[in-house]
Protein backbone atom coordinates (compact mmCIF):
# COMPACT_ATOMS: atom_id res chain seq x y z
CA UNK A 1 42.06 133.85 30.52
CA UNK A 2 39.95 132.74 33.31
CA UNK A 3 37.89 129.71 32.70
CA UNK A 4 34.41 129.46 33.97
CA UNK A 5 33.14 126.51 35.86
CA UNK A 6 29.68 125.31 35.68
CA UNK A 7 28.69 127.38 38.65
CA UNK A 8 29.79 130.67 37.30
CA UNK A 9 33.03 130.97 39.19
CA UNK A 10 36.20 131.79 37.47
CA UNK A 11 38.92 129.29 37.89
CA UNK A 12 42.50 130.57 38.11
CA UNK A 13 44.88 129.42 35.54
CA UNK A 14 47.22 126.63 36.57
CA UNK A 15 50.15 129.01 36.33
CA UNK A 16 48.65 131.38 38.81
CA UNK A 17 47.86 128.54 41.15
CA UNK A 18 51.43 127.32 40.79
CA UNK A 19 52.78 130.81 41.54
CA UNK A 20 50.61 130.99 44.62
CA UNK A 21 51.80 127.60 45.78
CA UNK A 22 55.42 128.54 45.10
CA UNK A 23 54.98 131.84 46.90
CA UNK A 24 53.37 130.08 49.85
CA UNK A 25 56.15 127.46 49.89
CA UNK A 26 58.77 130.19 49.70
CA UNK A 27 57.15 131.93 52.68
CA UNK A 28 57.16 128.68 54.64
CA UNK A 29 60.79 128.05 53.69
CA UNK A 30 61.66 131.59 54.82
CA UNK A 31 59.88 130.97 58.14
CA UNK A 32 61.71 127.68 58.59
CA UNK A 33 64.98 129.45 57.67
CA UNK A 34 64.32 132.14 60.30
CA UNK A 35 63.49 129.48 62.89
CA UNK A 36 66.67 127.58 62.00
CA UNK A 37 68.68 130.81 62.25
CA UNK A 38 67.18 131.53 65.69
CA UNK A 39 67.97 127.98 66.80
CA UNK A 40 71.52 128.27 65.45
CA UNK A 41 71.98 131.53 67.37
CA UNK A 42 70.66 129.93 70.56
CA UNK A 43 72.94 126.93 70.01
CA UNK A 44 75.94 129.22 69.43
CA UNK A 45 75.15 131.19 72.61
CA UNK A 46 74.74 128.00 74.62
CA UNK A 47 77.98 126.63 73.18
CA UNK A 48 79.79 129.85 74.22
CA UNK A 49 78.33 129.61 77.71
CA UNK A 50 79.38 125.97 77.99
CA UNK A 51 82.87 126.83 76.74
CA UNK A 52 83.18 129.67 79.27
CA UNK A 53 81.91 127.37 82.02
CA UNK A 54 84.45 124.72 81.03
CA UNK A 55 87.27 127.30 81.01
CA UNK A 56 86.20 128.61 84.42
CA UNK A 57 86.03 125.05 85.73
CA UNK A 58 89.51 124.25 84.43
CA UNK A 59 90.88 127.50 85.91
CA UNK A 60 89.30 126.74 89.29
CA UNK A 61 90.53 123.14 89.14
CA UNK A 62 94.10 124.30 88.42
CA UNK A 63 93.92 126.85 91.24
CA UNK A 64 92.61 124.19 93.64
CA UNK A 65 95.38 121.82 92.53
CA UNK A 66 98.01 124.52 93.06
CA UNK A 67 96.57 125.38 96.48
CA UNK A 68 96.62 121.69 97.41
CA UNK A 69 100.29 121.40 96.40
CA UNK A 70 101.15 124.45 98.52
CA UNK A 71 99.26 123.04 101.50
CA UNK A 72 100.99 119.67 101.11
CA UNK A 73 104.36 121.41 100.99
CA UNK A 74 103.48 123.45 104.09
CA UNK A 75 102.32 120.32 105.88
CA UNK A 76 105.56 118.53 105.04
CA UNK A 77 107.53 121.49 106.38
CA UNK A 78 105.48 121.49 109.60
CA UNK A 79 106.10 117.74 109.99
CA UNK A 80 109.84 118.31 109.60
CA UNK A 81 109.76 121.12 112.15
CA UNK A 82 107.87 118.89 114.60
CA UNK A 83 110.42 116.10 114.10
CA UNK A 84 113.25 118.59 114.76
CA UNK A 85 111.57 119.82 117.93
CA UNK A 86 111.06 116.22 119.11
CA UNK A 87 114.74 115.46 118.50
CA UNK A 88 115.80 118.55 120.45
CA UNK A 89 113.47 117.67 123.32
CA UNK A 90 114.92 114.13 123.43
CA UNK A 91 118.44 115.60 123.53
CA UNK A 92 117.49 117.97 126.34
CA UNK A 93 115.91 115.14 128.32
CA UNK A 94 119.03 113.00 127.77
CA UNK A 95 121.28 115.82 128.98
CA UNK A 96 119.04 116.51 131.96
CA UNK A 97 119.33 112.85 132.98
CA UNK A 98 123.11 113.30 133.06
CA UNK A 99 122.97 116.36 135.34
CA UNK A 100 123.18 116.13 139.12
CA UNK A 101 119.95 115.81 141.01
CA UNK A 102 119.12 118.16 143.87
CA UNK A 103 119.78 115.35 146.38
CA UNK A 104 123.27 114.87 144.95
CA UNK A 105 123.91 118.61 145.28
CA UNK A 106 122.79 118.54 148.92
CA UNK A 107 125.19 115.67 149.69
CA UNK A 108 128.11 117.55 148.11
CA UNK A 109 127.12 120.68 150.04
CA UNK A 110 127.19 118.74 153.34
CA UNK A 111 130.70 117.45 152.58
CA UNK A 112 131.89 120.93 151.66
CA UNK A 113 130.46 122.31 154.87
CA UNK A 114 132.10 119.48 156.83
CA UNK A 115 135.56 119.89 155.24
CA UNK A 116 135.48 123.66 154.99
CA UNK A 117 137.91 123.94 152.06
CA UNK A 118 138.35 127.66 152.62
CA UNK A 119 140.93 126.78 155.23
CA UNK A 120 142.89 124.43 152.96
CA UNK A 121 146.43 125.47 152.04
CA UNK A 122 147.83 125.73 148.56
CA UNK A 123 150.92 123.79 147.44
CA UNK A 124 153.01 126.92 147.63
CA UNK A 125 151.85 127.58 151.16
CA UNK A 126 152.60 123.94 152.09
CA UNK A 127 156.11 124.17 150.58
CA UNK A 128 156.84 127.33 152.52
CA UNK A 129 155.57 125.79 155.73
CA UNK A 130 157.74 122.69 155.21
CA UNK A 131 160.79 124.81 154.40
CA UNK A 132 160.31 126.89 157.57
CA UNK A 133 159.84 123.80 159.67
CA UNK A 134 163.03 122.24 158.26
CA UNK A 135 164.97 125.46 158.78
CA UNK A 136 163.83 125.69 162.36
CA UNK A 137 164.89 122.12 163.07
CA UNK A 138 168.33 122.58 161.64
CA UNK A 139 169.11 125.81 163.35
């Protein structure tokens, strides 16, 4: 079964050597398989993390976009309100320009004081006075 070499050592049969080589190769293949499996697991975990990061990014981007739309809408509303206030202020200024100034009021007050309209007579009173005067003349 075992052959002897010239030095007295037994040489393993080629089948046994082949089995040893196959066994060693199978062990190396198993190690490579385990390493590949570990790498595949790491790749899968990294891929999940990247996917989650992308989903979070898209969610945040959508939220930021929605917030921006709301702010733009609010800004547009504020601009409209400011334009309305400006229009109302212009209208008030226009109306104030049409009102009498304090100097004009003082002039009217002087004339009223001068004429003293409290002592004016009404039409009815004037008619009665004229009728009495006519009656007195014709009596």
